[in-house]
Amino acid sequence: MYGDELWYVSFGSNTSESRFRKYLPDWPAAKCGAHDYRRFRRDLTIPHQLYFAGASAVWEDSSVAFVSLRPDPGSVAYCRAYRVTPGEFCRVITGENGAPAVPWSDDMIPPDHGGYTELPLHPDGDPRRGKYNAIVRVGTVDGLPAVTLTTARQLARNAPSARYLATVAAGLGGLAPDGYLAGAVQRSTPIAV
């Protein structure tokens, strides 16, 4: 239905290409050999709100980045998209969730922009697992579906660690305006009562 490739749209630590390559170390050498691989990467924005929540074992229980499940008028998330195969995307899903291998199905991609598909990922007693359990269709790029991973779970919002935030900031480079990440941190910090 969708072909052999799609765009995985990252807004958190995977905006750092070196971090993304932890899941796919050979990306995209198999596709382009010595050709300019940048045609397999795009910087873009999506109309979703960035926030930090949950906890990640990889990031020493730091909160990690998510975007709103549905488009949020007036919000902008700055992203880096990678053109991947469905199998590569499933490796990212597996790595992001600390979950067993996720088999590919074309039904995983919502047909409509702004739609989402909830994945059958469960925490199994560890709230740090299965967080990125929703695939959201955020558009079409070069005729291919563009999707991101976020959560359909209600996770406690909290500020991320300095190390995690620095990784996201480095990944975004000059893509996001000043104050972008600080605003997301402020939205994510619990209010003392």
Protein backbone atom coordinates (compact mmCIF):
# COMPACT_ATOMS: atom_id res chain seq x y z
CA MET A 1 0.00 0.00 0.00
CA TYR A 2 2.70 2.52 0.99
CA GLY A 3 5.73 1.05 -0.74
CA ASP A 4 9.17 0.37 0.53
CA GLU A 5 9.93 3.58 2.45
CA LEU A 6 8.45 6.18 4.77
CA TRP A 7 9.66 9.19 6.72
CA TYR A 8 10.26 8.74 10.45
CA VAL A 9 9.86 12.21 11.99
CA SER A 10 11.87 12.74 15.18
CA PHE A 11 11.42 15.61 17.64
CA GLY A 12 13.48 14.41 20.65
CA SER A 13 16.89 12.83 21.10
CA ASN A 14 16.74 11.20 17.65
CA THR A 15 17.03 14.64 16.07
CA SER A 16 20.69 13.96 16.80
CA GLU A 17 21.75 11.80 13.88
CA SER A 18 24.43 10.06 15.96
CA ARG A 19 21.77 9.12 18.52
CA PHE A 20 19.39 7.93 15.77
CA ARG A 21 22.18 5.75 14.33
CA LYS A 22 22.30 3.77 17.59
CA TYR A 23 19.15 2.08 16.26
CA LEU A 24 20.24 1.98 12.61
CA PRO A 25 24.05 2.14 12.46
CA ASP A 26 24.19 1.50 8.70
CA TRP A 27 21.51 4.04 7.76
CA PRO A 28 21.41 4.99 4.87
CA ALA A 29 24.56 3.42 3.36
CA ALA A 30 22.63 0.46 1.97
CA LYS A 31 20.36 2.85 0.05
CA CYS A 32 22.76 5.31 -1.45
CA GLY A 33 26.30 3.97 -1.21
CA ALA A 34 28.65 6.88 -1.72
CA HIS A 35 25.88 9.23 -2.90
CA ASP A 36 24.86 12.23 -0.84
CA TYR A 37 22.80 10.72 1.96
CA ARG A 38 21.24 14.07 2.92
CA ARG A 39 18.41 13.36 0.49
CA PHE A 40 17.34 10.79 3.10
CA ARG A 41 17.03 13.47 5.80
CA ARG A 42 14.75 16.52 6.04
CA ASP A 43 14.20 19.24 8.62
CA LEU A 44 10.56 20.18 9.04
CA THR A 45 7.90 21.35 11.46
CA ILE A 46 4.66 19.73 12.54
CA PRO A 47 1.61 21.34 14.25
CA HIS A 48 1.99 19.46 17.54
CA GLN A 49 3.05 20.62 21.00
CA LEU A 50 6.37 19.35 22.36
CA TYR A 51 6.51 18.34 26.04
CA PHE A 52 8.55 16.13 28.38
CA ALA A 53 7.09 13.29 30.43
CA GLY A 54 7.55 9.77 31.76
CA ALA A 55 10.93 8.26 32.56
CA SER A 56 13.52 6.49 30.45
CA ALA A 57 15.98 3.81 31.58
CA VAL A 58 18.34 4.90 28.78
CA TRP A 59 18.38 8.46 30.13
CA GLU A 60 18.76 7.54 33.85
CA ASP A 61 15.02 7.97 34.51
CA SER A 62 14.92 11.42 32.90
CA SER A 63 11.70 12.58 31.33
CA VAL A 64 11.82 12.36 27.54
CA ALA A 65 10.21 14.23 24.65
CA PHE A 66 6.73 13.63 23.27
CA VAL A 67 4.40 15.58 21.02
CA SER A 68 0.66 15.98 21.41
CA LEU A 69 -1.25 13.00 20.05
CA ARG A 70 -3.46 15.21 17.93
CA PRO A 71 -2.48 18.34 15.99
CA ASP A 72 -2.56 21.40 18.23
CA PRO A 73 -3.41 24.61 16.33
CA GLY A 74 -0.86 27.29 17.07
CA SER A 75 1.81 24.82 18.20
CA VAL A 76 4.96 24.00 16.27
CA ALA A 77 7.37 21.13 16.89
CA TYR A 78 10.74 21.31 15.14
CA CYS A 79 11.75 17.95 13.72
CA ARG A 80 14.27 15.98 11.74
CA ALA A 81 12.86 13.32 9.41
CA TYR A 82 14.71 10.24 8.19
CA ARG A 83 13.67 8.22 5.15
CA VAL A 84 13.62 4.59 6.29
CA THR A 85 12.21 1.23 5.31
CA PRO A 86 9.30 -0.24 7.29
CA GLY A 87 11.74 -2.73 8.83
CA GLU A 88 14.05 0.07 9.95
CA PHE A 89 11.10 1.95 11.42
CA CYS A 90 10.13 -1.16 13.39
CA ARG A 91 13.68 -1.29 14.79
CA VAL A 92 13.26 2.30 15.99
CA ILE A 93 9.90 1.41 17.60
CA THR A 94 11.47 -1.60 19.34
CA GLY A 95 14.46 0.42 20.57
CA GLU A 96 12.40 3.36 21.79
CA ASN A 97 10.12 1.10 23.80
CA GLY A 98 12.47 -1.53 25.21
CA ALA A 99 10.02 -3.96 23.67
CA PRO A 100 10.21 -7.22 21.73
CA ALA A 101 10.41 -6.90 17.95
CA VAL A 102 7.39 -5.21 16.43
CA PRO A 103 6.24 -6.83 13.17
CA TRP A 104 5.43 -4.48 10.30
CA SER A 105 1.95 -4.03 8.88
CA ASP A 106 0.75 -1.32 6.48
CA ASP A 107 -2.18 -0.86 8.88
CA MET A 108 0.25 0.74 11.32
CA ILE A 109 0.28 3.95 9.25
CA PRO A 110 -2.87 6.05 9.72
CA PRO A 111 -4.34 6.95 6.32
CA ASP A 112 -5.26 10.51 7.33
CA HIS A 113 -2.96 13.33 8.42
CA GLY A 114 -3.46 13.89 12.14
CA GLY A 115 -4.69 10.35 12.69
CA TYR A 116 -2.93 7.88 14.94
CA THR A 117 -2.61 4.15 15.47
CA GLU A 118 -2.07 2.80 18.96
CA LEU A 119 0.47 -0.01 19.09
CA PRO A 120 -0.04 -3.07 21.31
CA LEU A 121 2.86 -2.14 23.59
CA HIS A 122 2.43 -2.50 27.32
CA PRO A 123 4.62 -1.48 30.24
CA ASP A 124 4.53 -5.01 31.76
CA GLY A 125 5.03 -3.57 35.24
CA ASP A 126 7.79 -1.15 34.18
CA PRO A 127 6.37 2.31 33.39
CA ARG A 128 9.55 3.14 31.45
CA ARG A 129 8.65 0.57 28.77
CA GLY A 130 6.13 0.92 25.95
CA LYS A 131 5.94 4.73 26.19
CA TYR A 132 6.09 5.46 22.46
CA ASN A 133 2.96 3.47 21.71
CA ALA A 134 1.30 5.67 19.08
CA ILE A 135 2.19 6.23 15.44
CA VAL A 136 0.91 9.62 14.28
CA ARG A 137 0.59 10.56 10.60
CA VAL A 138 2.07 14.05 10.35
CA GLY A 139 2.04 14.47 6.59
CA THR A 140 3.47 13.32 3.29
CA VAL A 141 7.00 14.13 2.13
CA ASP A 142 8.15 13.41 -1.42
CA GLY A 143 5.06 11.24 -1.90
CA LEU A 144 5.87 9.06 1.13
CA PRO A 145 3.97 8.96 4.43
CA ALA A 146 5.59 10.93 7.26
CA VAL A 147 4.97 9.49 10.74
CA THR A 148 6.19 10.10 14.24
CA LEU A 149 6.11 8.18 17.51
CA THR A 150 4.52 9.61 20.63
CA THR A 151 2.38 8.33 23.47
CA ALA A 152 -1.29 7.60 23.91
CA ARG A 153 -0.64 6.99 27.63
CA GLN A 154 -1.14 9.57 30.38
CA LEU A 155 2.42 10.06 31.59
CA ALA A 156 3.43 12.42 34.37
CA ARG A 157 5.04 15.54 32.94
CA ASN A 158 8.38 16.61 34.30
CA ALA A 159 11.49 18.51 33.25
CA PRO A 160 14.15 16.41 31.50
CA SER A 161 17.72 15.98 32.68
CA ALA A 162 20.33 18.44 31.49
CA ARG A 163 22.03 15.62 29.54
CA TYR A 164 18.85 14.68 27.68
CA LEU A 165 18.00 18.30 26.94
CA ALA A 166 21.54 18.92 25.65
CA THR A 167 21.20 15.96 23.26
CA VAL A 168 17.93 17.31 21.87
CA ALA A 169 19.37 20.82 21.57
CA ALA A 170 22.45 19.51 19.74
CA GLY A 171 20.25 17.50 17.39
CA LEU A 172 18.12 20.49 16.55
CA GLY A 173 21.23 22.59 15.92
CA GLY A 174 19.99 25.94 14.64
CA LEU A 175 16.66 24.53 13.48
CA ALA A 176 14.54 25.74 16.42
CA PRO A 177 14.29 29.35 17.60
CA ASP A 178 15.70 30.55 20.91
CA GLY A 179 13.43 29.64 23.79
CA TYR A 180 11.78 26.70 22.00
CA LEU A 181 13.09 23.99 24.34
CA ALA A 182 12.83 26.23 27.41
CA GLY A 183 9.12 26.70 26.62
CA ALA A 184 8.62 22.93 26.38
CA VAL A 185 10.42 22.45 29.71
CA GLN A 186 8.23 25.10 31.34
CA ARG A 187 5.05 23.39 30.04
CA SER A 188 6.32 20.10 31.44
CA THR A 189 7.33 21.18 34.94
CA PRO A 190 4.77 20.12 37.54
CA ILE A 191 3.17 22.99 39.42
CA ALA A 192 3.64 22.79 43.18
CA VAL A 193 0.35 23.04 45.05
